């Protein structure tokens, strides 16, 4: 009797293992908080941009260089970073509200933090009072930054270098959230004006995934078997893209939400 019970118990465990594995592979819907020029920033290694309890958007220090073209340096001994961006030098310290802008002391209302051994710092202190255009949507928690120099950064330049689209509406689709399982399956959720008329072939939500200095981006010349665009409701649209097992750590995921000819 005990033997039969043990066999049944072992069989139950074997049956449950695949279910547990599938559950851990599932992704969750993550809000998009950052847009640079025409590009939504979905993911930044080691974590996506996030809004802290003070309502400030924080991004990794490395992303300031890769996305905005700034020069950054980090002193691990005193946990201080120096950022040169848009003709300003800003010095920040982990856990401190006190910063320096061009040598002048300034006090912030929030602090830089460490997440997974990377410094995350509030982007607003780097661009405030510069000629960059900054727009903050407090309800949604979305920061939009615009400046011509940002397109010369490593990540955005990689996208633009492969951009063959004839764009008719560069803001047709508002990307608001995404799902990423960390391996290769990506889902992007977008809203659009219900009065907008288009075919699925005109939807240009084309993700660029960068790892190291190389990147993967869907070509414009052919349809992609692992890519699917679907209207999921009134004014709602979803892009599903399966890149397969990429086998490398992803650094950035960015995408545009455009209508093309």
C-alpha atoms as a PDB file:
ATOM      1  CA  UNK A   1       0.000   0.000   0.000  1.00  0.00           C
ATOM      2  CA  UNK A   2       2.847   2.373   0.920  1.00  0.00           C
ATOM      3  CA  UNK A   3       4.661   1.480  -2.322  1.00  0.00           C
ATOM      4  CA  UNK A   4       1.593   2.315  -4.421  1.00  0.00           C
ATOM      5  CA  UNK A   5       1.204   5.644  -2.607  1.00  0.00           C
ATOM      6  CA  UNK A   6       4.899   6.500  -3.255  1.00  0.00           C
ATOM      7  CA  UNK A   7       4.580   5.685  -6.966  1.00  0.00           C
ATOM      8  CA  UNK A   8       1.475   7.872  -7.298  1.00  0.00           C
ATOM      9  CA  UNK A   9       3.238  10.698  -5.464  1.00  0.00           C
ATOM     10  CA  UNK A  10       6.274  10.525  -7.788  1.00  0.00           C
ATOM     11  CA  UNK A  11       4.069  10.497 -10.888  1.00  0.00           C
ATOM     12  CA  UNK A  12       2.236  13.581  -9.592  1.00  0.00           C
ATOM     13  CA  UNK A  13       5.546  15.425  -9.123  1.00  0.00           C
ATOM     14  CA  UNK A  14       6.661  14.534 -12.651  1.00  0.00           C
ATOM     15  CA  UNK A  15       3.401  15.828 -14.067  1.00  0.00           C
ATOM     16  CA  UNK A  16       3.680  19.081 -12.134  1.00  0.00           C
ATOM     17  CA  UNK A  17       7.239  19.888 -13.212  1.00  0.00           C
ATOM     18  CA  UNK A  18       6.363  21.013 -16.762  1.00  0.00           C
ATOM     19  CA  UNK A  19       3.603  23.218 -15.390  1.00  0.00           C
ATOM     20  CA  UNK A  20       5.988  24.897 -12.970  1.00  0.00           C
ATOM     21  CA  UNK A  21       8.528  25.393 -15.761  1.00  0.00           C
ATOM     22  CA  UNK A  22       5.953  26.985 -18.052  1.00  0.00           C
ATOM     23  CA  UNK A  23       4.808  29.320 -15.273  1.00  0.00           C
ATOM     24  CA  UNK A  24       8.338  30.626 -14.675  1.00  0.00           C
ATOM     25  CA  UNK A  25       8.776  31.286 -18.406  1.00  0.00           C
ATOM     26  CA  UNK A  26       5.677  33.465 -18.608  1.00  0.00           C
ATOM     27  CA  UNK A  27       6.199  37.196 -19.015  1.00  0.00           C
ATOM     28  CA  UNK A  28       4.331  40.036 -17.348  1.00  0.00           C
ATOM     29  CA  UNK A  29       3.033  43.278 -18.825  1.00  0.00           C
ATOM     30  CA  UNK A  30       5.492  46.108 -18.119  1.00  0.00           C
ATOM     31  CA  UNK A  31       4.601  49.799 -18.571  1.00  0.00           C
ATOM     32  CA  UNK A  32       6.689  51.867 -20.995  1.00  0.00           C
ATOM     33  CA  UNK A  33       7.982  54.969 -19.196  1.00  0.00           C
ATOM     34  CA  UNK A  34      10.520  56.482 -21.592  1.00  0.00           C
ATOM     35  CA  UNK A  35      10.507  57.834 -25.145  1.00  0.00           C
ATOM     36  CA  UNK A  36      13.529  59.412 -26.863  1.00  0.00           C
ATOM     37  CA  UNK A  37      12.688  61.368 -30.021  1.00  0.00           C
ATOM     38  CA  UNK A  38      10.540  58.926 -32.050  1.00  0.00           C
ATOM     39  CA  UNK A  39      11.598  55.802 -30.179  1.00  0.00           C
ATOM     40  CA  UNK A  40      10.003  54.092 -27.214  1.00  0.00           C
ATOM     41  CA  UNK A  41      12.540  52.613 -24.813  1.00  0.00           C
ATOM     42  CA  UNK A  42      11.122  49.311 -23.607  1.00  0.00           C
ATOM     43  CA  UNK A  43      14.083  47.699 -21.884  1.00  0.00           C
ATOM     44  CA  UNK A  44      17.485  48.780 -20.586  1.00  0.00           C
ATOM     45  CA  UNK A  45      19.957  46.322 -19.051  1.00  0.00           C
ATOM     46  CA  UNK A  46      19.791  45.334 -16.179  1.00  0.00           C
ATOM     47  CA  UNK A  47      16.187  46.568 -15.712  1.00  0.00           C
ATOM     48  CA  UNK A  48      13.746  48.781 -17.612  1.00  0.00           C
ATOM     49  CA  UNK A  49      13.397  52.492 -16.772  1.00  0.00           C
ATOM     50  CA  UNK A  50      11.146  52.974 -13.754  1.00  0.00           C
ATOM     51  CA  UNK A  51       9.343  55.714 -11.839  1.00  0.00           C
ATOM     52  CA  UNK A  52      10.466  55.997  -8.209  1.00  0.00           C
ATOM     53  CA  UNK A  53       8.256  56.909  -5.201  1.00  0.00           C
ATOM     54  CA  UNK A  54       8.980  60.611  -5.808  1.00  0.00           C
ATOM     55  CA  UNK A  55       7.555  60.371  -9.326  1.00  0.00           C
ATOM     56  CA  UNK A  56      10.945  60.688 -11.038  1.00  0.00           C
ATOM     57  CA  UNK A  57      12.014  58.526 -13.971  1.00  0.00           C
ATOM     58  CA  UNK A  58      15.267  56.671 -13.368  1.00  0.00           C
ATOM     59  CA  UNK A  59      17.428  55.036 -16.037  1.00  0.00           C
ATOM     60  CA  UNK A  60      20.750  53.152 -15.848  1.00  0.00           C
ATOM     61  CA  UNK A  61      23.898  55.274 -15.993  1.00  0.00           C
ATOM     62  CA  UNK A  62      25.104  53.354 -19.042  1.00  0.00           C
ATOM     63  CA  UNK A  63      21.862  54.194 -20.878  1.00  0.00           C
ATOM     64  CA  UNK A  64      22.699  57.919 -20.667  1.00  0.00           C
ATOM     65  CA  UNK A  65      25.642  57.192 -22.963  1.00  0.00           C
ATOM     66  CA  UNK A  66      23.988  54.596 -25.200  1.00  0.00           C
ATOM     67  CA  UNK A  67      20.611  56.333 -25.675  1.00  0.00           C
ATOM     68  CA  UNK A  68      21.416  60.032 -25.269  1.00  0.00           C
ATOM     69  CA  UNK A  69      25.027  60.196 -26.394  1.00  0.00           C
ATOM     70  CA  UNK A  70      26.381  61.515 -23.083  1.00  0.00           C
ATOM     71  CA  UNK A  71      29.789  60.812 -21.571  1.00  0.00           C
ATOM     72  CA  UNK A  72      29.686  58.995 -18.244  1.00  0.00           C
ATOM     73  CA  UNK A  73      32.197  57.947 -15.603  1.00  0.00           C
ATOM     74  CA  UNK A  74      31.596  56.032 -12.381  1.00  0.00           C
ATOM     75  CA  UNK A  75      33.795  56.018  -9.292  1.00  0.00           C
ATOM     76  CA  UNK A  76      33.052  52.784  -7.455  1.00  0.00           C
ATOM     77  CA  UNK A  77      35.051  53.863  -4.410  1.00  0.00           C
ATOM     78  CA  UNK A  78      32.805  56.797  -3.502  1.00  0.00           C
ATOM     79  CA  UNK A  79      29.755  55.634  -5.525  1.00  0.00           C
ATOM     80  CA  UNK A  80      29.766  58.846  -7.567  1.00  0.00           C
ATOM     81  CA  UNK A  81      29.022  59.298 -11.257  1.00  0.00           C
ATOM     82  CA  UNK A  82      29.913  62.184 -13.541  1.00  0.00           C
ATOM     83  CA  UNK A  83      27.711  62.800 -16.581  1.00  0.00           C
ATOM     84  CA  UNK A  84      28.545  65.206 -19.402  1.00  0.00           C
ATOM     85  CA  UNK A  85      25.454  65.809 -21.525  1.00  0.00           C
ATOM     86  CA  UNK A  86      24.181  68.775 -23.543  1.00  0.00           C
ATOM     87  CA  UNK A  87      27.117  70.974 -22.503  1.00  0.00           C
ATOM     88  CA  UNK A  88      26.571  70.362 -18.788  1.00  0.00           C
ATOM     89  CA  UNK A  89      28.533  68.377 -16.229  1.00  0.00           C
ATOM     90  CA  UNK A  90      26.446  66.718 -13.511  1.00  0.00           C
ATOM     91  CA  UNK A  91      27.893  64.816 -10.539  1.00  0.00           C
ATOM     92  CA  UNK A  92      25.586  62.505  -8.567  1.00  0.00           C
ATOM     93  CA  UNK A  93      26.120  60.087  -5.692  1.00  0.00           C
ATOM     94  CA  UNK A  94      24.254  56.914  -4.795  1.00  0.00           C
ATOM     95  CA  UNK A  95      21.716  57.591  -2.030  1.00  0.00           C
ATOM     96  CA  UNK A  96      22.359  61.349  -1.922  1.00  0.00           C
ATOM     97  CA  UNK A  97      20.068  64.226  -2.878  1.00  0.00           C
ATOM     98  CA  UNK A  98      23.063  66.555  -3.197  1.00  0.00           C
ATOM     99  CA  UNK A  99      24.435  66.939  -6.718  1.00  0.00           C
ATOM    100  CA  UNK A 100      26.689  69.319  -8.620  1.00  0.00           C
ATOM    101  CA  UNK A 101      25.765  70.978 -11.930  1.00  0.00           C
ATOM    102  CA  UNK A 102      28.721  72.680 -13.609  1.00  0.00           C
ATOM    103  CA  UNK A 103      30.338  72.950 -10.189  1.00  0.00           C
ATOM    104  CA  UNK A 104      27.311  74.515  -8.486  1.00  0.00           C
ATOM    105  CA  UNK A 105      25.652  72.595  -5.615  1.00  0.00           C
ATOM    106  CA  UNK A 106      22.009  71.579  -6.169  1.00  0.00           C
ATOM    107  CA  UNK A 107      19.604  69.514  -4.059  1.00  0.00           C
ATOM    108  CA  UNK A 108      17.254  67.035  -5.743  1.00  0.00           C
ATOM    109  CA  UNK A 109      13.979  65.704  -4.348  1.00  0.00           C
ATOM    110  CA  UNK A 110      15.047  62.101  -4.997  1.00  0.00           C
ATOM    111  CA  UNK A 111      18.232  60.007  -5.023  1.00  0.00           C
ATOM    112  CA  UNK A 112      20.153  57.736  -7.408  1.00  0.00           C
ATOM    113  CA  UNK A 113      19.968  54.060  -6.467  1.00  0.00           C
ATOM    114  CA  UNK A 114      21.752  50.778  -7.135  1.00  0.00           C
ATOM    115  CA  UNK A 115      19.794  47.995  -8.822  1.00  0.00           C
ATOM    116  CA  UNK A 116      21.557  44.772  -9.745  1.00  0.00           C
ATOM    117  CA  UNK A 117      24.976  46.435  -9.398  1.00  0.00           C
ATOM    118  CA  UNK A 118      24.038  49.276 -11.755  1.00  0.00           C
ATOM    119  CA  UNK A 119      23.455  52.924 -10.876  1.00  0.00           C
ATOM    120  CA  UNK A 120      20.031  54.282 -11.788  1.00  0.00           C
ATOM    121  CA  UNK A 121      19.722  58.056 -11.774  1.00  0.00           C
ATOM    122  CA  UNK A 122      16.875  60.554 -12.388  1.00  0.00           C
ATOM    123  CA  UNK A 123      17.021  61.674 -16.005  1.00  0.00           C
ATOM    124  CA  UNK A 124      15.294  65.016 -15.372  1.00  0.00           C
ATOM    125  CA  UNK A 125      18.317  66.505 -13.549  1.00  0.00           C
ATOM    126  CA  UNK A 126      20.470  65.823 -16.615  1.00  0.00           C
ATOM    127  CA  UNK A 127      18.259  67.627 -19.136  1.00  0.00           C
ATOM    128  CA  UNK A 128      16.472  70.294 -17.080  1.00  0.00           C
ATOM    129  CA  UNK A 129      17.364  73.845 -18.176  1.00  0.00           C
ATOM    130  CA  UNK A 130      18.976  72.607 -21.400  1.00  0.00           C
ATOM    131  CA  UNK A 131      17.730  73.014 -24.979  1.00  0.00           C
ATOM    132  CA  UNK A 132      16.273  69.495 -24.926  1.00  0.00           C
ATOM    133  CA  UNK A 133      12.491  69.316 -24.999  1.00  0.00           C
ATOM    134  CA  UNK A 134      11.075  67.422 -22.007  1.00  0.00           C
ATOM    135  CA  UNK A 135       7.441  66.404 -21.610  1.00  0.00           C
ATOM    136  CA  UNK A 136       6.169  64.487 -18.575  1.00  0.00           C
ATOM    137  CA  UNK A 137       2.850  62.642 -18.531  1.00  0.00           C
ATOM    138  CA  UNK A 138       2.225  62.219 -14.795  1.00  0.00           C
ATOM    139  CA  UNK A 139      -0.920  60.110 -15.199  1.00  0.00           C
ATOM    140  CA  UNK A 140       0.819  57.546 -17.326  1.00  0.00           C
ATOM    141  CA  UNK A 141       4.336  58.008 -15.968  1.00  0.00           C
ATOM    142  CA  UNK A 142       5.847  58.614 -19.410  1.00  0.00           C
ATOM    143  CA  UNK A 143       8.765  60.953 -20.054  1.00  0.00           C
ATOM    144  CA  UNK A 144       9.340  62.169 -23.613  1.00  0.00           C
ATOM    145  CA  UNK A 145      12.711  63.678 -24.509  1.00  0.00           C
ATOM    146  CA  UNK A 146      13.540  65.344 -27.812  1.00  0.00           C
ATOM    147  CA  UNK A 147      16.873  66.604 -29.089  1.00  0.00           C
ATOM    148  CA  UNK A 148      18.595  66.168 -32.457  1.00  0.00           C
ATOM    149  CA  UNK A 149      21.821  64.977 -30.820  1.00  0.00           C
ATOM    150  CA  UNK A 150      20.096  61.932 -29.289  1.00  0.00           C
ATOM    151  CA  UNK A 151      19.743  60.356 -32.748  1.00  0.00           C
ATOM    152  CA  UNK A 152      23.549  60.183 -32.902  1.00  0.00           C
ATOM    153  CA  UNK A 153      23.717  57.876 -29.874  1.00  0.00           C
ATOM    154  CA  UNK A 154      24.791  54.274 -30.403  1.00  0.00           C
ATOM    155  CA  UNK A 155      21.392  52.625 -29.983  1.00  0.00           C
ATOM    156  CA  UNK A 156      19.216  55.101 -31.895  1.00  0.00           C
ATOM    157  CA  UNK A 157      21.767  55.379 -34.696  1.00  0.00           C
ATOM    158  CA  UNK A 158      21.627  51.596 -35.116  1.00  0.00           C
ATOM    159  CA  UNK A 159      17.865  51.801 -35.632  1.00  0.00           C
ATOM    160  CA  UNK A 160      18.066  54.739 -38.022  1.00  0.00           C
ATOM    161  CA  UNK A 161      20.819  53.038 -40.016  1.00  0.00           C
ATOM    162  CA  UNK A 162      18.406  50.232 -40.902  1.00  0.00           C
ATOM    163  CA  UNK A 163      15.323  52.428 -41.297  1.00  0.00           C
ATOM    164  CA  UNK A 164      13.984  52.077 -44.835  1.00  0.00           C
ATOM    165  CA  UNK A 165      10.387  53.034 -44.102  1.00  0.00           C
ATOM    166  CA  UNK A 166       8.524  55.843 -45.865  1.00  0.00           C
ATOM    167  CA  UNK A 167       6.755  57.193 -42.798  1.00  0.00           C
ATOM    168  CA  UNK A 168       3.361  58.856 -43.226  1.00  0.00           C
ATOM    169  CA  UNK A 169       2.553  59.259 -39.519  1.00  0.00           C
ATOM    170  CA  UNK A 170       5.393  58.903 -37.018  1.00  0.00           C
ATOM    171  CA  UNK A 171       3.078  59.017 -33.974  1.00  0.00           C
ATOM    172  CA  UNK A 172       0.208  56.849 -35.193  1.00  0.00           C
ATOM    173  CA  UNK A 173       0.574  54.205 -32.487  1.00  0.00           C
ATOM    174  CA  UNK A 174       1.157  54.973 -28.827  1.00  0.00           C
ATOM    175  CA  UNK A 175       3.149  52.111 -27.316  1.00  0.00           C
ATOM    176  CA  UNK A 176       2.139  51.822 -23.661  1.00  0.00           C
ATOM    177  CA  UNK A 177       3.396  48.443 -22.396  1.00  0.00           C
ATOM    178  CA  UNK A 178       5.193  45.262 -23.364  1.00  0.00           C
ATOM    179  CA  UNK A 179       5.884  41.686 -22.319  1.00  0.00           C
ATOM    180  CA  UNK A 180       9.301  40.053 -22.567  1.00  0.00           C
ATOM    181  CA  UNK A 181      10.106  36.553 -21.346  1.00  0.00           C
ATOM    182  CA  UNK A 182      13.848  37.259 -21.208  1.00  0.00           C
ATOM    183  CA  UNK A 183      14.636  34.768 -23.972  1.00  0.00           C
ATOM    184  CA  UNK A 184      13.081  35.781 -27.260  1.00  0.00           C
ATOM    185  CA  UNK A 185       9.311  36.270 -27.045  1.00  0.00           C
ATOM    186  CA  UNK A 186       8.186  39.893 -27.209  1.00  0.00           C
ATOM    187  CA  UNK A 187       4.662  41.357 -27.097  1.00  0.00           C
ATOM    188  CA  UNK A 188       4.096  45.100 -27.555  1.00  0.00           C
ATOM    189  CA  UNK A 189       0.751  46.736 -26.718  1.00  0.00           C
ATOM    190  CA  UNK A 190      -0.287  49.997 -28.399  1.00  0.00           C
ATOM    191  CA  UNK A 191      -3.246  52.372 -28.604  1.00  0.00           C
ATOM    192  CA  UNK A 192      -4.368  54.401 -31.606  1.00  0.00           C
ATOM    193  CA  UNK A 193      -7.078  56.847 -32.638  1.00  0.00           C
ATOM    194  CA  UNK A 194     -10.129  54.857 -33.757  1.00  0.00           C
ATOM    195  CA  UNK A 195     -10.627  57.241 -36.681  1.00  0.00           C
ATOM    196  CA  UNK A 196      -7.243  56.208 -38.115  1.00  0.00           C
ATOM    197  CA  UNK A 197      -7.613  54.123 -41.288  1.00  0.00           C
ATOM    198  CA  UNK A 198      -4.843  51.674 -42.155  1.00  0.00           C
ATOM    199  CA  UNK A 199      -4.009  48.134 -43.222  1.00  0.00           C
ATOM    200  CA  UNK A 200      -1.831  45.800 -41.189  1.00  0.00           C
ATOM    201  CA  UNK A 201       0.908  46.172 -43.798  1.00  0.00           C
ATOM    202  CA  UNK A 202       1.141  49.862 -42.904  1.00  0.00           C
ATOM    203  CA  UNK A 203       1.726  49.247 -39.196  1.00  0.00           C
ATOM    204  CA  UNK A 204       5.376  49.854 -38.365  1.00  0.00           C
ATOM    205  CA  UNK A 205       5.996  48.706 -34.799  1.00  0.00           C
ATOM    206  CA  UNK A 206       9.404  47.308 -35.582  1.00  0.00           C
ATOM    207  CA  UNK A 207      11.435  46.359 -32.505  1.00  0.00           C
ATOM    208  CA  UNK A 208      15.199  46.600 -32.383  1.00  0.00           C
ATOM    209  CA  UNK A 209      16.928  44.343 -29.893  1.00  0.00           C
ATOM    210  CA  UNK A 210      20.548  45.148 -29.081  1.00  0.00           C
ATOM    211  CA  UNK A 211      23.024  42.957 -27.271  1.00  0.00           C
ATOM    212  CA  UNK A 212      26.609  44.180 -26.988  1.00  0.00           C
ATOM    213  CA  UNK A 213      27.357  46.190 -30.124  1.00  0.00           C
ATOM    214  CA  UNK A 214      25.285  43.963 -32.383  1.00  0.00           C
ATOM    215  CA  UNK A 215      21.530  44.065 -32.898  1.00  0.00           C
ATOM    216  CA  UNK A 216      18.552  42.252 -34.365  1.00  0.00           C
ATOM    217  CA  UNK A 217      15.911  44.127 -36.304  1.00  0.00           C
ATOM    218  CA  UNK A 218      13.227  42.843 -38.649  1.00  0.00           C
ATOM    219  CA  UNK A 219      14.042  43.649 -42.292  1.00  0.00           C
ATOM    220  CA  UNK A 220      11.625  45.747 -44.323  1.00  0.00           C
ATOM    221  CA  UNK A 221      12.006  43.603 -47.428  1.00  0.00           C
ATOM    222  CA  UNK A 222      10.053  40.544 -46.277  1.00  0.00           C
ATOM    223  CA  UNK A 223       7.384  39.347 -43.878  1.00  0.00           C
ATOM    224  CA  UNK A 224       8.564  37.622 -40.696  1.00  0.00           C
ATOM    225  CA  UNK A 225       7.026  34.221 -39.817  1.00  0.00           C
ATOM    226  CA  UNK A 226       7.393  34.846 -36.086  1.00  0.00           C
ATOM    227  CA  UNK A 227       5.754  38.285 -36.210  1.00  0.00           C
ATOM    228  CA  UNK A 228       2.017  38.913 -35.858  1.00  0.00           C
ATOM    229  CA  UNK A 229       0.016  42.146 -35.633  1.00  0.00           C
ATOM    230  CA  UNK A 230      -3.472  41.882 -34.168  1.00  0.00           C
ATOM    231  CA  UNK A 231      -6.222  44.376 -33.344  1.00  0.00           C
ATOM    232  CA  UNK A 232      -7.354  43.480 -29.831  1.00  0.00           C
ATOM    233  CA  UNK A 233     -10.174  45.997 -29.369  1.00  0.00           C
ATOM    234  CA  UNK A 234     -11.295  49.489 -30.273  1.00  0.00           C
ATOM    235  CA  UNK A 235      -8.170  51.566 -30.717  1.00  0.00           C
ATOM    236  CA  UNK A 236      -5.976  48.741 -29.408  1.00  0.00           C
ATOM    237  CA  UNK A 237      -3.288  46.824 -31.235  1.00  0.00           C
ATOM    238  CA  UNK A 238      -0.730  44.167 -30.309  1.00  0.00           C
ATOM    239  CA  UNK A 239       2.491  43.062 -31.956  1.00  0.00           C
ATOM    240  CA  UNK A 240       3.726  39.562 -31.136  1.00  0.00           C
ATOM    241  CA  UNK A 241       7.259  38.657 -32.160  1.00  0.00           C
ATOM    242  CA  UNK A 242       9.164  35.450 -31.437  1.00  0.00           C
ATOM    243  CA  UNK A 243      12.892  35.875 -32.026  1.00  0.00           C
ATOM    244  CA  UNK A 244      13.658  32.348 -30.843  1.00  0.00           C
ATOM    245  CA  UNK A 245      16.251  31.640 -28.171  1.00  0.00           C
ATOM    246  CA  UNK A 246      18.727  34.481 -28.631  1.00  0.00           C
ATOM    247  CA  UNK A 247      21.328  32.981 -26.323  1.00  0.00           C
ATOM    248  CA  UNK A 248      22.807  36.353 -25.348  1.00  0.00           C
ATOM    249  CA  UNK A 249      22.015  38.932 -22.705  1.00  0.00           C
ATOM    250  CA  UNK A 250      19.846  41.688 -24.159  1.00  0.00           C
ATOM    251  CA  UNK A 251      21.057  45.245 -23.556  1.00  0.00           C
ATOM    252  CA  UNK A 252      18.215  47.307 -25.067  1.00  0.00           C
ATOM    253  CA  UNK A 253      14.804  46.880 -26.678  1.00  0.00           C
ATOM    254  CA  UNK A 254      13.413  49.911 -28.517  1.00  0.00           C
ATOM    255  CA  UNK A 255      10.591  50.387 -31.015  1.00  0.00           C
ATOM    256  CA  UNK A 256       8.754  53.023 -33.021  1.00  0.00           C
ATOM    257  CA  UNK A 257       4.964  53.246 -33.415  1.00  0.00           C
ATOM    258  CA  UNK A 258       4.469  54.540 -36.949  1.00  0.00           C
ATOM    259  CA  UNK A 259       2.291  54.326 -40.005  1.00  0.00           C
ATOM    260  CA  UNK A 260       4.165  53.714 -43.263  1.00  0.00           C
ATOM    261  CA  UNK A 261       3.295  53.883 -46.933  1.00  0.00           C
END
